[in-house]
Full PDB file with SEQRES, HELIX, SHEET, SSBOND, CRYST1, ORIGX, SCALE, CONECT and MASTER records, all heavy atoms in Angstrom:
SEQRES   1 A   42  ALA ASN VAL MET SER PRO ILE ILE ALA GLU ARG ILE TRP          
SEQRES   2 A   42  ALA LEU PRO LEU SER GLY SER ALA VAL LYS PHE LEU GLN          
SEQRES   3 A   42  TYR LEU VAL SER ARG SER ASP PHE GLY GLY ALA LEU PRO          
SEQRES   4 A   42  VAL ARG GLN                                                  
HELIX    1 AA1 PRO A    6  ALA A    9  1                                   4    
HELIX    2 AA2 ILE A   12  ALA A   14  5                                   3    
HELIX    3 AA3 GLY A   19  ARG A   31  1                                  13    
CRYST1    1.000    1.000    1.000  90.00  90.00  90.00 P 1           1          
ORIGX1      1.000000  0.000000  0.000000        0.00000                         
ORIGX2      0.000000  1.000000  0.000000        0.00000                         
ORIGX3      0.000000  0.000000  1.000000        0.00000                         
SCALE1      1.000000  0.000000  0.000000        0.00000                         
SCALE2      0.000000  1.000000  0.000000        0.00000                         
SCALE3      0.000000  0.000000  1.000000        0.00000                         
ATOM      1  N   ALA A   1      70.757 113.200 -55.012  1.00  0.00           N  
ATOM      2  CA  ALA A   1      71.597 114.089 -55.662  1.00  0.00           C  
ATOM      3  C   ALA A   1      71.853 115.315 -54.681  1.00  0.00           C  
ATOM      4  O   ALA A   1      71.089 115.467 -53.707  1.00  0.00           O  
ATOM      5  CB  ALA A   1      71.081 114.650 -56.963  1.00  0.00           C  
ATOM      6  N   ASN A   2      72.773 116.085 -55.023  1.00  0.00           N  
ATOM      7  CA  ASN A   2      72.996 117.300 -54.223  1.00  0.00           C  
ATOM      8  C   ASN A   2      73.403 118.419 -55.240  1.00  0.00           C  
ATOM      9  O   ASN A   2      74.600 118.367 -55.654  1.00  0.00           O  
ATOM     10  CB  ASN A   2      74.053 117.100 -53.206  1.00  0.00           C  
ATOM     11  CG  ASN A   2      74.165 118.229 -52.218  1.00  0.00           C  
ATOM     12  OD1 ASN A   2      73.658 119.303 -52.366  1.00  0.00           O  
ATOM     13  ND2 ASN A   2      75.011 118.014 -51.218  1.00  0.00           N  
ATOM     14  N   VAL A   3      72.546 119.283 -55.602  1.00  0.00           N  
ATOM     15  CA  VAL A   3      72.769 120.260 -56.653  1.00  0.00           C  
ATOM     16  C   VAL A   3      72.959 121.549 -56.015  1.00  0.00           C  
ATOM     17  O   VAL A   3      72.007 122.162 -55.395  1.00  0.00           O  
ATOM     18  CB  VAL A   3      71.611 120.323 -57.685  1.00  0.00           C  
ATOM     19  CG1 VAL A   3      71.916 121.209 -58.758  1.00  0.00           C  
ATOM     20  CG2 VAL A   3      71.233 118.929 -58.199  1.00  0.00           C  
ATOM     21  N   MET A   4      74.202 122.210 -56.201  1.00  0.00           N  
ATOM     22  CA  MET A   4      74.410 123.542 -55.661  1.00  0.00           C  
ATOM     23  C   MET A   4      74.128 124.585 -56.667  1.00  0.00           C  
ATOM     24  O   MET A   4      74.397 124.326 -57.846  1.00  0.00           O  
ATOM     25  CB  MET A   4      75.874 123.595 -55.209  1.00  0.00           C  
ATOM     26  CG  MET A   4      76.225 124.941 -54.508  1.00  0.00           C  
ATOM     27  SD  MET A   4      77.871 125.047 -53.908  1.00  0.00           S  
ATOM     28  CE  MET A   4      77.923 126.730 -53.450  1.00  0.00           C  
ATOM     29  N   SER A   5      73.684 125.645 -56.219  1.00  0.00           N  
ATOM     30  CA  SER A   5      73.334 126.789 -57.206  1.00  0.00           C  
ATOM     31  C   SER A   5      74.480 127.106 -57.984  1.00  0.00           C  
ATOM     32  O   SER A   5      75.570 127.508 -57.533  1.00  0.00           O  
ATOM     33  CB  SER A   5      72.817 128.002 -56.392  1.00  0.00           C  
ATOM     34  OG  SER A   5      72.894 129.086 -57.193  1.00  0.00           O  
ATOM     35  N   PRO A   6      74.372 127.128 -59.340  1.00  0.00           N  
ATOM     36  CA  PRO A   6      75.489 127.507 -60.139  1.00  0.00           C  
ATOM     37  C   PRO A   6      75.769 128.999 -60.069  1.00  0.00           C  
ATOM     38  O   PRO A   6      76.912 129.487 -60.313  1.00  0.00           O  
ATOM     39  CB  PRO A   6      75.044 127.201 -61.612  1.00  0.00           C  
ATOM     40  CG  PRO A   6      73.615 127.158 -61.536  1.00  0.00           C  
ATOM     41  CD  PRO A   6      73.247 126.746 -60.137  1.00  0.00           C  
ATOM     42  N   ILE A   7      74.804 129.766 -59.612  1.00  0.00           N  
ATOM     43  CA  ILE A   7      75.011 131.225 -59.424  1.00  0.00           C  
ATOM     44  C   ILE A   7      76.186 131.497 -58.469  1.00  0.00           C  
ATOM     45  O   ILE A   7      76.996 132.370 -58.690  1.00  0.00           O  
ATOM     46  CB  ILE A   7      73.702 131.916 -58.935  1.00  0.00           C  
ATOM     47  CG1 ILE A   7      72.573 131.810 -60.132  1.00  0.00           C  
ATOM     48  CG2 ILE A   7      73.920 133.329 -58.574  1.00  0.00           C  
ATOM     49  CD1 ILE A   7      71.323 132.231 -59.731  1.00  0.00           C  
ATOM     50  N   ILE A   8      76.197 130.743 -57.408  1.00  0.00           N  
ATOM     51  CA  ILE A   8      77.166 130.857 -56.368  1.00  0.00           C  
ATOM     52  C   ILE A   8      78.399 130.070 -56.767  1.00  0.00           C  
ATOM     53  O   ILE A   8      79.613 130.538 -56.751  1.00  0.00           O  
ATOM     54  CB  ILE A   8      76.739 130.493 -54.948  1.00  0.00           C  
ATOM     55  CG1 ILE A   8      75.527 131.373 -54.508  1.00  0.00           C  
ATOM     56  CG2 ILE A   8      77.756 130.443 -53.923  1.00  0.00           C  
ATOM     57  CD1 ILE A   8      75.837 132.798 -54.430  1.00  0.00           C  
ATOM     58  N   ALA A   9      78.250 128.800 -57.116  1.00  0.00           N  
ATOM     59  CA  ALA A   9      79.353 127.904 -57.434  1.00  0.00           C  
ATOM     60  C   ALA A   9      80.274 128.447 -58.489  1.00  0.00           C  
ATOM     61  O   ALA A   9      81.530 128.396 -58.442  1.00  0.00           O  
ATOM     62  CB  ALA A   9      78.800 126.512 -57.805  1.00  0.00           C  
ATOM     63  N   GLU A  10      79.673 129.069 -59.529  1.00  0.00           N  
ATOM     64  CA  GLU A  10      80.514 129.546 -60.657  1.00  0.00           C  
ATOM     65  C   GLU A  10      81.073 130.969 -60.475  1.00  0.00           C  
ATOM     66  O   GLU A  10      82.002 131.475 -61.161  1.00  0.00           O  
ATOM     67  CB  GLU A  10      79.699 129.543 -61.974  1.00  0.00           C  
ATOM     68  CG  GLU A  10      79.414 128.148 -62.430  1.00  0.00           C  
ATOM     69  CD  GLU A  10      78.532 128.100 -63.604  1.00  0.00           C  
ATOM     70  OE1 GLU A  10      78.185 129.118 -64.227  1.00  0.00           O  
ATOM     71  OE2 GLU A  10      78.080 126.963 -64.018  1.00  0.00           O  
ATOM     72  N   ARG A  11      80.442 131.740 -59.498  1.00  0.00           N  
ATOM     73  CA  ARG A  11      80.988 133.151 -59.279  1.00  0.00           C  
ATOM     74  C   ARG A  11      81.596 133.336 -57.896  1.00  0.00           C  
ATOM     75  O   ARG A  11      81.916 134.508 -57.627  1.00  0.00           O  
ATOM     76  CB  ARG A  11      79.773 134.064 -59.435  1.00  0.00           C  
ATOM     77  CG  ARG A  11      79.195 133.993 -60.878  1.00  0.00           C  
ATOM     78  CD  ARG A  11      77.912 134.770 -60.939  1.00  0.00           C  
ATOM     79  NE  ARG A  11      78.296 136.109 -61.494  1.00  0.00           N  
ATOM     80  CZ  ARG A  11      77.433 137.122 -61.454  1.00  0.00           C  
ATOM     81  NH1 ARG A  11      76.277 136.974 -60.869  1.00  0.00           N  
ATOM     82  NH2 ARG A  11      77.812 138.269 -61.907  1.00  0.00           N  
ATOM     83  N   ILE A  12      81.766 132.247 -57.226  1.00  0.00           N  
ATOM     84  CA  ILE A  12      82.327 132.461 -55.746  1.00  0.00           C  
ATOM     85  C   ILE A  12      83.685 133.098 -55.866  1.00  0.00           C  
ATOM     86  O   ILE A  12      83.989 133.917 -54.943  1.00  0.00           O  
ATOM     87  CB  ILE A  12      82.322 131.072 -55.103  1.00  0.00           C  
ATOM     88  CG1 ILE A  12      82.412 131.381 -53.582  1.00  0.00           C  
ATOM     89  CG2 ILE A  12      83.457 130.232 -55.477  1.00  0.00           C  
ATOM     90  CD1 ILE A  12      82.067 130.170 -52.708  1.00  0.00           C  
ATOM     91  N   TRP A  13      84.480 132.892 -56.893  1.00  0.00           N  
ATOM     92  CA  TRP A  13      85.794 133.465 -57.037  1.00  0.00           C  
ATOM     93  C   TRP A  13      85.713 135.037 -57.130  1.00  0.00           C  
ATOM     94  O   TRP A  13      86.638 135.704 -56.808  1.00  0.00           O  
ATOM     95  CB  TRP A  13      86.597 132.836 -58.233  1.00  0.00           C  
ATOM     96  CG  TRP A  13      85.896 133.160 -59.563  1.00  0.00           C  
ATOM     97  CD1 TRP A  13      84.918 132.450 -60.154  1.00  0.00           C  
ATOM     98  CD2 TRP A  13      86.039 134.294 -60.354  1.00  0.00           C  
ATOM     99  NE1 TRP A  13      84.539 132.967 -61.323  1.00  0.00           N  
ATOM    100  CE2 TRP A  13      85.188 134.160 -61.420  1.00  0.00           C  
ATOM    101  CE3 TRP A  13      86.838 135.407 -60.247  1.00  0.00           C  
ATOM    102  CZ2 TRP A  13      85.091 135.129 -62.469  1.00  0.00           C  
ATOM    103  CZ3 TRP A  13      86.788 136.311 -61.294  1.00  0.00           C  
ATOM    104  CH2 TRP A  13      85.962 136.158 -62.361  1.00  0.00           C  
ATOM    105  N   ALA A  14      84.619 135.525 -57.661  1.00  0.00           N  
ATOM    106  CA  ALA A  14      84.449 137.004 -57.942  1.00  0.00           C  
ATOM    107  C   ALA A  14      83.791 137.687 -56.763  1.00  0.00           C  
ATOM    108  O   ALA A  14      83.694 138.912 -56.798  1.00  0.00           O  
ATOM    109  CB  ALA A  14      83.637 137.170 -59.263  1.00  0.00           C  
ATOM    110  N   LEU A  15      83.383 136.926 -55.722  1.00  0.00           N  
ATOM    111  CA  LEU A  15      82.594 137.616 -54.598  1.00  0.00           C  
ATOM    112  C   LEU A  15      83.620 138.454 -53.797  1.00  0.00           C  
ATOM    113  O   LEU A  15      84.735 138.023 -53.605  1.00  0.00           O  
ATOM    114  CB  LEU A  15      81.977 136.629 -53.695  1.00  0.00           C  
ATOM    115  CG  LEU A  15      80.831 135.781 -54.322  1.00  0.00           C  
ATOM    116  CD1 LEU A  15      80.421 134.735 -53.360  1.00  0.00           C  
ATOM    117  CD2 LEU A  15      79.700 136.687 -54.817  1.00  0.00           C  
ATOM    118  N   PRO A  16      83.219 139.584 -53.407  1.00  0.00           N  
ATOM    119  CA  PRO A  16      84.017 140.389 -52.476  1.00  0.00           C  
ATOM    120  C   PRO A  16      84.106 139.929 -51.142  1.00  0.00           C  
ATOM    121  O   PRO A  16      83.599 140.613 -50.204  1.00  0.00           O  
ATOM    122  CB  PRO A  16      83.449 141.849 -52.640  1.00  0.00           C  
ATOM    123  CG  PRO A  16      81.975 141.537 -52.797  1.00  0.00           C  
ATOM    124  CD  PRO A  16      81.893 140.298 -53.627  1.00  0.00           C  
ATOM    125  N   LEU A  17      84.556 138.742 -50.870  1.00  0.00           N  
ATOM    126  CA  LEU A  17      84.538 138.142 -49.503  1.00  0.00           C  
ATOM    127  C   LEU A  17      86.023 137.568 -49.231  1.00  0.00           C  
ATOM    128  O   LEU A  17      86.775 137.270 -50.158  1.00  0.00           O  
ATOM    129  CB  LEU A  17      83.668 136.831 -49.549  1.00  0.00           C  
ATOM    130  CG  LEU A  17      82.250 137.053 -49.785  1.00  0.00           C  
ATOM    131  CD1 LEU A  17      81.556 135.691 -49.912  1.00  0.00           C  
ATOM    132  CD2 LEU A  17      81.593 137.810 -48.678  1.00  0.00           C  
ATOM    133  N   SER A  18      86.352 137.642 -47.957  1.00  0.00           N  
ATOM    134  CA  SER A  18      87.596 136.958 -47.490  1.00  0.00           C  
ATOM    135  C   SER A  18      87.559 135.516 -47.767  1.00  0.00           C  
ATOM    136  O   SER A  18      86.457 134.868 -47.857  1.00  0.00           O  
ATOM    137  CB  SER A  18      87.812 137.373 -45.998  1.00  0.00           C  
ATOM    138  OG  SER A  18      86.917 136.650 -45.296  1.00  0.00           O  
ATOM    139  N   GLY A  19      88.733 134.916 -47.710  1.00  0.00           N  
ATOM    140  CA  GLY A  19      88.801 133.478 -47.872  1.00  0.00           C  
ATOM    141  C   GLY A  19      88.061 132.721 -46.702  1.00  0.00           C  
ATOM    142  O   GLY A  19      87.397 131.771 -46.889  1.00  0.00           O  
ATOM    143  N   SER A  20      88.137 133.336 -45.525  1.00  0.00           N  
ATOM    144  CA  SER A  20      87.438 132.692 -44.399  1.00  0.00           C  
ATOM    145  C   SER A  20      85.918 132.784 -44.566  1.00  0.00           C  
ATOM    146  O   SER A  20      85.174 131.891 -44.181  1.00  0.00           O  
ATOM    147  CB  SER A  20      87.880 133.322 -43.065  1.00  0.00           C  
ATOM    148  OG  SER A  20      87.768 134.773 -43.118  1.00  0.00           O  
ATOM    149  N   ALA A  21      85.457 133.821 -45.123  1.00  0.00           N  
ATOM    150  CA  ALA A  21      83.975 133.996 -45.365  1.00  0.00           C  
ATOM    151  C   ALA A  21      83.530 133.055 -46.458  1.00  0.00           C  
ATOM    152  O   ALA A  21      82.450 132.475 -46.337  1.00  0.00           O  
ATOM    153  CB  ALA A  21      83.564 135.440 -45.736  1.00  0.00           C  
ATOM    154  N   VAL A  22      84.295 132.807 -47.497  1.00  0.00           N  
ATOM    155  CA  VAL A  22      84.033 131.791 -48.557  1.00  0.00           C  
ATOM    156  C   VAL A  22      83.948 130.442 -47.966  1.00  0.00           C  
ATOM    157  O   VAL A  22      83.041 129.721 -48.210  1.00  0.00           O  
ATOM    158  CB  VAL A  22      85.019 131.918 -49.696  1.00  0.00           C  
ATOM    159  CG1 VAL A  22      84.796 130.770 -50.653  1.00  0.00           C  
ATOM    160  CG2 VAL A  22      84.886 133.232 -50.434  1.00  0.00           C  
ATOM    161  N   LYS A  23      84.986 130.106 -47.088  1.00  0.00           N  
ATOM    162  CA  LYS A  23      85.040 128.773 -46.444  1.00  0.00           C  
ATOM    163  C   LYS A  23      83.791 128.652 -45.548  1.00  0.00           C  
ATOM    164  O   LYS A  23      83.180 127.586 -45.525  1.00  0.00           O  
ATOM    165  CB  LYS A  23      86.317 128.646 -45.655  1.00  0.00           C  
ATOM    166  CG  LYS A  23      86.494 127.315 -45.084  1.00  0.00           C  
ATOM    167  CD  LYS A  23      87.908 127.243 -44.422  1.00  0.00           C  
ATOM    168  CE  LYS A  23      88.015 125.875 -43.683  1.00  0.00           C  
ATOM    169  NZ  LYS A  23      89.296 125.871 -42.912  1.00  0.00           N  
ATOM    170  N   PHE A  24      83.364 129.749 -44.854  1.00  0.00           N  
ATOM    171  CA  PHE A  24      82.190 129.642 -43.882  1.00  0.00           C  
ATOM    172  C   PHE A  24      80.874 129.373 -44.769  1.00  0.00           C  
ATOM    173  O   PHE A  24      80.008 128.684 -44.295  1.00  0.00           O  
ATOM    174  CB  PHE A  24      82.118 130.889 -43.088  1.00  0.00           C  
ATOM    175  CG  PHE A  24      81.054 130.744 -41.974  1.00  0.00           C  
ATOM    176  CD1 PHE A  24      81.158 129.862 -40.954  1.00  0.00           C  
ATOM    177  CD2 PHE A  24      79.914 131.522 -42.014  1.00  0.00           C  
ATOM    178  CE1 PHE A  24      80.279 129.787 -39.981  1.00  0.00           C  
ATOM    179  CE2 PHE A  24      78.947 131.343 -41.056  1.00  0.00           C  
ATOM    180  CZ  PHE A  24      79.106 130.526 -40.005  1.00  0.00           C  
ATOM    181  N   LEU A  25      80.864 130.077 -45.920  1.00  0.00           N  
ATOM    182  CA  LEU A  25      79.717 129.890 -46.813  1.00  0.00           C  
ATOM    183  C   LEU A  25      79.636 128.453 -47.245  1.00  0.00           C  
ATOM    184  O   LEU A  25      78.513 127.810 -47.288  1.00  0.00           O  
ATOM    185  CB  LEU A  25      79.817 130.769 -48.067  1.00  0.00           C  
ATOM    186  CG  LEU A  25      78.798 130.512 -49.208  1.00  0.00           C  
ATOM    187  CD1 LEU A  25      77.300 130.710 -48.657  1.00  0.00           C  
ATOM    188  CD2 LEU A  25      78.968 131.460 -50.337  1.00  0.00           C  
ATOM    189  N   GLN A  26      80.738 127.804 -47.470  1.00  0.00           N  
ATOM    190  CA  GLN A  26      80.682 126.356 -47.902  1.00  0.00           C  
ATOM    191  C   GLN A  26      80.236 125.559 -46.754  1.00  0.00           C  
ATOM    192  O   GLN A  26      79.427 124.629 -46.942  1.00  0.00           O  
ATOM    193  CB  GLN A  26      82.093 125.946 -48.334  1.00  0.00           C  
ATOM    194  CG  GLN A  26      82.473 126.539 -49.654  1.00  0.00           C  
ATOM    195  CD  GLN A  26      84.020 126.373 -50.034  1.00  0.00           C  
ATOM    196  OE1 GLN A  26      84.857 126.162 -49.203  1.00  0.00           O  
ATOM    197  NE2 GLN A  26      84.250 126.265 -51.219  1.00  0.00           N  
ATOM    198  N   TYR A  27      80.596 125.908 -45.490  1.00  0.00           N  
ATOM    199  CA  TYR A  27      80.117 125.245 -44.320  1.00  0.00           C  
ATOM    200  C   TYR A  27      78.521 125.380 -44.210  1.00  0.00           C  
ATOM    201  O   TYR A  27      77.826 124.398 -44.011  1.00  0.00           O  
ATOM    202  CB  TYR A  27      80.725 125.734 -43.055  1.00  0.00           C  
ATOM    203  CG  TYR A  27      79.940 125.562 -41.774  1.00  0.00           C  
ATOM    204  CD1 TYR A  27      79.986 124.300 -41.218  1.00  0.00           C  
ATOM    205  CD2 TYR A  27      79.106 126.496 -41.216  1.00  0.00           C  
ATOM    206  CE1 TYR A  27      79.177 124.002 -40.003  1.00  0.00           C  
ATOM    207  CE2 TYR A  27      78.385 126.295 -40.067  1.00  0.00           C  
ATOM    208  CZ  TYR A  27      78.392 125.010 -39.509  1.00  0.00           C  
ATOM    209  OH  TYR A  27      77.669 124.828 -38.409  1.00  0.00           O  
ATOM    210  N   LEU A  28      78.105 126.669 -44.405  1.00  0.00           N  
ATOM    211  CA  LEU A  28      76.620 126.844 -44.408  1.00  0.00           C  
ATOM    212  C   LEU A  28      75.861 126.094 -45.445  1.00  0.00           C  
ATOM    213  O   LEU A  28      74.795 125.550 -45.053  1.00  0.00           O  
ATOM    214  CB  LEU A  28      76.364 128.450 -44.603  1.00  0.00           C  
ATOM    215  CG  LEU A  28      76.729 129.312 -43.497  1.00  0.00           C  
ATOM    216  CD1 LEU A  28      76.525 130.788 -43.748  1.00  0.00           C  
ATOM    217  CD2 LEU A  28      76.135 128.924 -42.138  1.00  0.00           C  
ATOM    218  N   VAL A  29      76.358 126.061 -46.546  1.00  0.00           N  
ATOM    219  CA  VAL A  29      75.633 125.208 -47.754  1.00  0.00           C  
ATOM    220  C   VAL A  29      75.675 123.812 -47.334  1.00  0.00           C  
ATOM    221  O   VAL A  29      74.608 123.097 -47.440  1.00  0.00           O  
ATOM    222  CB  VAL A  29      76.386 125.491 -49.026  1.00  0.00           C  
ATOM    223  CG1 VAL A  29      75.821 124.502 -50.033  1.00  0.00           C  
ATOM    224  CG2 VAL A  29      76.173 126.883 -49.532  1.00  0.00           C  
ATOM    225  N   SER A  30      76.777 123.253 -46.738  1.00  0.00           N  
ATOM    226  CA  SER A  30      76.743 121.838 -46.355  1.00  0.00           C  
ATOM    227  C   SER A  30      75.876 121.567 -45.255  1.00  0.00           C  
ATOM    228  O   SER A  30      75.305 120.562 -45.098  1.00  0.00           O  
ATOM    229  CB  SER A  30      78.214 121.374 -46.064  1.00  0.00           C  
ATOM    230  OG  SER A  30      78.633 122.003 -44.858  1.00  0.00           O  
ATOM    231  N   ARG A  31      75.694 122.540 -44.324  1.00  0.00           N  
ATOM    232  CA  ARG A  31      74.954 122.354 -43.132  1.00  0.00           C  
ATOM    233  C   ARG A  31      73.424 122.652 -43.359  1.00  0.00           C  
ATOM    234  O   ARG A  31      72.567 122.332 -42.570  1.00  0.00           O  
ATOM    235  CB  ARG A  31      75.443 123.364 -42.055  1.00  0.00           C  
ATOM    236  CG  ARG A  31      74.942 123.074 -40.733  1.00  0.00           C  
ATOM    237  CD  ARG A  31      75.344 121.753 -40.170  1.00  0.00           C  
ATOM    238  NE  ARG A  31      74.971 121.568 -38.759  1.00  0.00           N  
ATOM    239  CZ  ARG A  31      73.721 121.137 -38.332  1.00  0.00           C  
ATOM    240  NH1 ARG A  31      72.783 120.920 -39.283  1.00  0.00           N  
ATOM    241  NH2 ARG A  31      73.579 120.987 -37.087  1.00  0.00           N  
ATOM    242  N   SER A  32      73.121 123.310 -44.448  1.00  0.00           N  
ATOM    243  CA  SER A  32      71.761 123.754 -44.731  1.00  0.00           C  
ATOM    244  C   SER A  32      70.963 122.553 -45.277  1.00  0.00           C  
ATOM    245  O   SER A  32      71.421 121.559 -45.729  1.00  0.00           O  
ATOM    246  CB  SER A  32      71.675 124.834 -45.737  1.00  0.00           C  
ATOM    247  OG  SER A  32      72.130 124.374 -47.035  1.00  0.00           O  
ATOM    248  N   ASP A  33      69.587 122.668 -45.090  1.00  0.00           N  
ATOM    249  CA  ASP A  33      68.671 121.780 -45.715  1.00  0.00           C  
ATOM    250  C   ASP A  33      68.502 122.182 -47.139  1.00  0.00           C  
ATOM    251  O   ASP A  33      68.885 123.279 -47.576  1.00  0.00           O  
ATOM    252  CB  ASP A  33      67.199 121.898 -45.048  1.00  0.00           C  
ATOM    253  CG  ASP A  33      67.303 121.428 -43.617  1.00  0.00           C  
ATOM    254  OD1 ASP A  33      68.072 120.680 -43.170  1.00  0.00           O  
ATOM    255  OD2 ASP A  33      66.413 121.797 -42.810  1.00  0.00           O  
ATOM    256  N   PHE A  34      67.902 121.256 -47.903  1.00  0.00           N  
ATOM    257  CA  PHE A  34      67.598 121.588 -49.383  1.00  0.00           C  
ATOM    258  C   PHE A  34      66.633 122.741 -49.323  1.00  0.00           C  
ATOM    259  O   PHE A  34      65.755 122.783 -48.603  1.00  0.00           O  
ATOM    260  CB  PHE A  34      67.032 120.372 -50.085  1.00  0.00           C  
ATOM    261  CG  PHE A  34      67.912 119.159 -50.259  1.00  0.00           C  
ATOM    262  CD1 PHE A  34      67.573 117.977 -49.707  1.00  0.00           C  
ATOM    263  CD2 PHE A  34      69.136 119.431 -50.978  1.00  0.00           C  
ATOM    264  CE1 PHE A  34      68.515 116.845 -49.823  1.00  0.00           C  
ATOM    265  CE2 PHE A  34      69.983 118.320 -51.116  1.00  0.00           C  
ATOM    266  CZ  PHE A  34      69.728 117.062 -50.543  1.00  0.00           C  
ATOM    267  N   GLY A  35      66.985 123.765 -50.219  1.00  0.00           N  
ATOM    268  CA  GLY A  35      66.167 124.890 -50.268  1.00  0.00           C  
ATOM    269  C   GLY A  35      66.676 126.090 -49.342  1.00  0.00           C  
ATOM    270  O   GLY A  35      66.178 127.156 -49.453  1.00  0.00           O  
ATOM    271  N   GLY A  36      67.671 125.859 -48.496  1.00  0.00           N  
ATOM    272  CA  GLY A  36      68.252 126.914 -47.877  1.00  0.00           C  
ATOM    273  C   GLY A  36      68.083 127.078 -46.407  1.00  0.00           C  
ATOM    274  O   GLY A  36      68.732 127.920 -45.685  1.00  0.00           O  
ATOM    275  N   ALA A  37      67.134 126.334 -45.788  1.00  0.00           N  
ATOM    276  CA  ALA A  37      66.922 126.454 -44.283  1.00  0.00           C  
ATOM    277  C   ALA A  37      68.161 126.045 -43.620  1.00  0.00           C  
ATOM    278  O   ALA A  37      68.811 125.075 -43.882  1.00  0.00           O  
ATOM    279  CB  ALA A  37      65.684 125.643 -43.942  1.00  0.00           C  
ATOM    280  N   LEU A  38      68.509 126.887 -42.588  1.00  0.00           N  
ATOM    281  CA  LEU A  38      69.615 126.512 -41.716  1.00  0.00           C  
ATOM    282  C   LEU A  38      69.121 125.990 -40.380  1.00  0.00           C  
ATOM    283  O   LEU A  38      68.817 126.905 -39.505  1.00  0.00           O  
ATOM    284  CB  LEU A  38      70.587 127.738 -41.547  1.00  0.00           C  
ATOM    285  CG  LEU A  38      71.468 128.057 -42.810  1.00  0.00           C  
ATOM    286  CD1 LEU A  38      72.073 129.379 -42.766  1.00  0.00           C  
ATOM    287  CD2 LEU A  38      72.460 127.034 -42.909  1.00  0.00           C  
ATOM    288  N   PRO A  39      69.087 124.826 -40.162  1.00  0.00           N  
ATOM    289  CA  PRO A  39      68.393 124.265 -38.904  1.00  0.00           C  
ATOM    290  C   PRO A  39      69.317 124.343 -37.695  1.00  0.00           C  
ATOM    291  O   PRO A  39      69.256 123.439 -36.886  1.00  0.00           O  
ATOM    292  CB  PRO A  39      68.026 122.917 -39.232  1.00  0.00           C  
ATOM    293  CG  PRO A  39      69.079 122.449 -40.222  1.00  0.00           C  
ATOM    294  CD  PRO A  39      69.414 123.710 -40.965  1.00  0.00           C  
ATOM    295  N   VAL A  40      70.205 125.276 -37.663  1.00  0.00           N  
ATOM    296  CA  VAL A  40      71.178 125.276 -36.558  1.00  0.00           C  
ATOM    297  C   VAL A  40      71.289 126.701 -36.014  1.00  0.00           C  
ATOM    298  O   VAL A  40      71.287 127.708 -36.861  1.00  0.00           O  
ATOM    299  CB  VAL A  40      72.554 124.776 -36.986  1.00  0.00           C  
ATOM    300  CG1 VAL A  40      73.054 125.578 -38.145  1.00  0.00           C  
ATOM    301  CG2 VAL A  40      73.556 124.707 -35.909  1.00  0.00           C  
ATOM    302  N   ARG A  41      71.308 126.891 -34.764  1.00  0.00           N  
ATOM    303  CA  ARG A  41      71.422 128.316 -34.093  1.00  0.00           C  
ATOM    304  C   ARG A  41      72.862 128.778 -34.189  1.00  0.00           C  
ATOM    305  O   ARG A  41      73.752 127.920 -34.307  1.00  0.00           O  
ATOM    306  CB  ARG A  41      71.026 128.144 -32.700  1.00  0.00           C  
ATOM    307  CG  ARG A  41      69.516 127.866 -32.536  1.00  0.00           C  
ATOM    308  CD  ARG A  41      69.202 127.711 -31.038  1.00  0.00           C  
ATOM    309  NE  ARG A  41      67.803 127.405 -30.898  1.00  0.00           N  
ATOM    310  CZ  ARG A  41      67.017 128.020 -30.177  1.00  0.00           C  
ATOM    311  NH1 ARG A  41      67.467 129.020 -29.527  1.00  0.00           N  
ATOM    312  NH2 ARG A  41      65.728 127.606 -30.147  1.00  0.00           N  
ATOM    313  N   GLN A  42      73.023 130.051 -34.134  1.00  0.00           N  
ATOM    314  CA  GLN A  42      74.303 130.672 -34.343  1.00  0.00           C  
ATOM    315  C   GLN A  42      75.346 130.110 -33.267  1.00  0.00           C  
ATOM    316  O   GLN A  42      76.510 129.816 -33.537  1.00  0.00           O  
ATOM    317  CB  GLN A  42      74.203 132.203 -34.138  1.00  0.00           C  
ATOM    318  CG  GLN A  42      75.506 132.936 -34.412  1.00  0.00           C  
ATOM    319  CD  GLN A  42      75.310 134.384 -34.547  1.00  0.00           C  
ATOM    320  OE1 GLN A  42      74.252 134.895 -34.923  1.00  0.00           O  
ATOM    321  NE2 GLN A  42      76.389 135.082 -34.324  1.00  0.00           N  
TER     322      GLN A  42                                                      
MASTER        0    0    0    3    0    0    0    6  321    1    0    4          
END                                                                             
């Protein structure tokens, strides 16, 4: 399974972020390990 936090998934529309930052957040979630570790350098 792949369960995304409902805190972010349900409120992403209300975040004070640009569309490009929201899209980048989706990239980060997809690229992250379970639990949030980002095993990739900037």
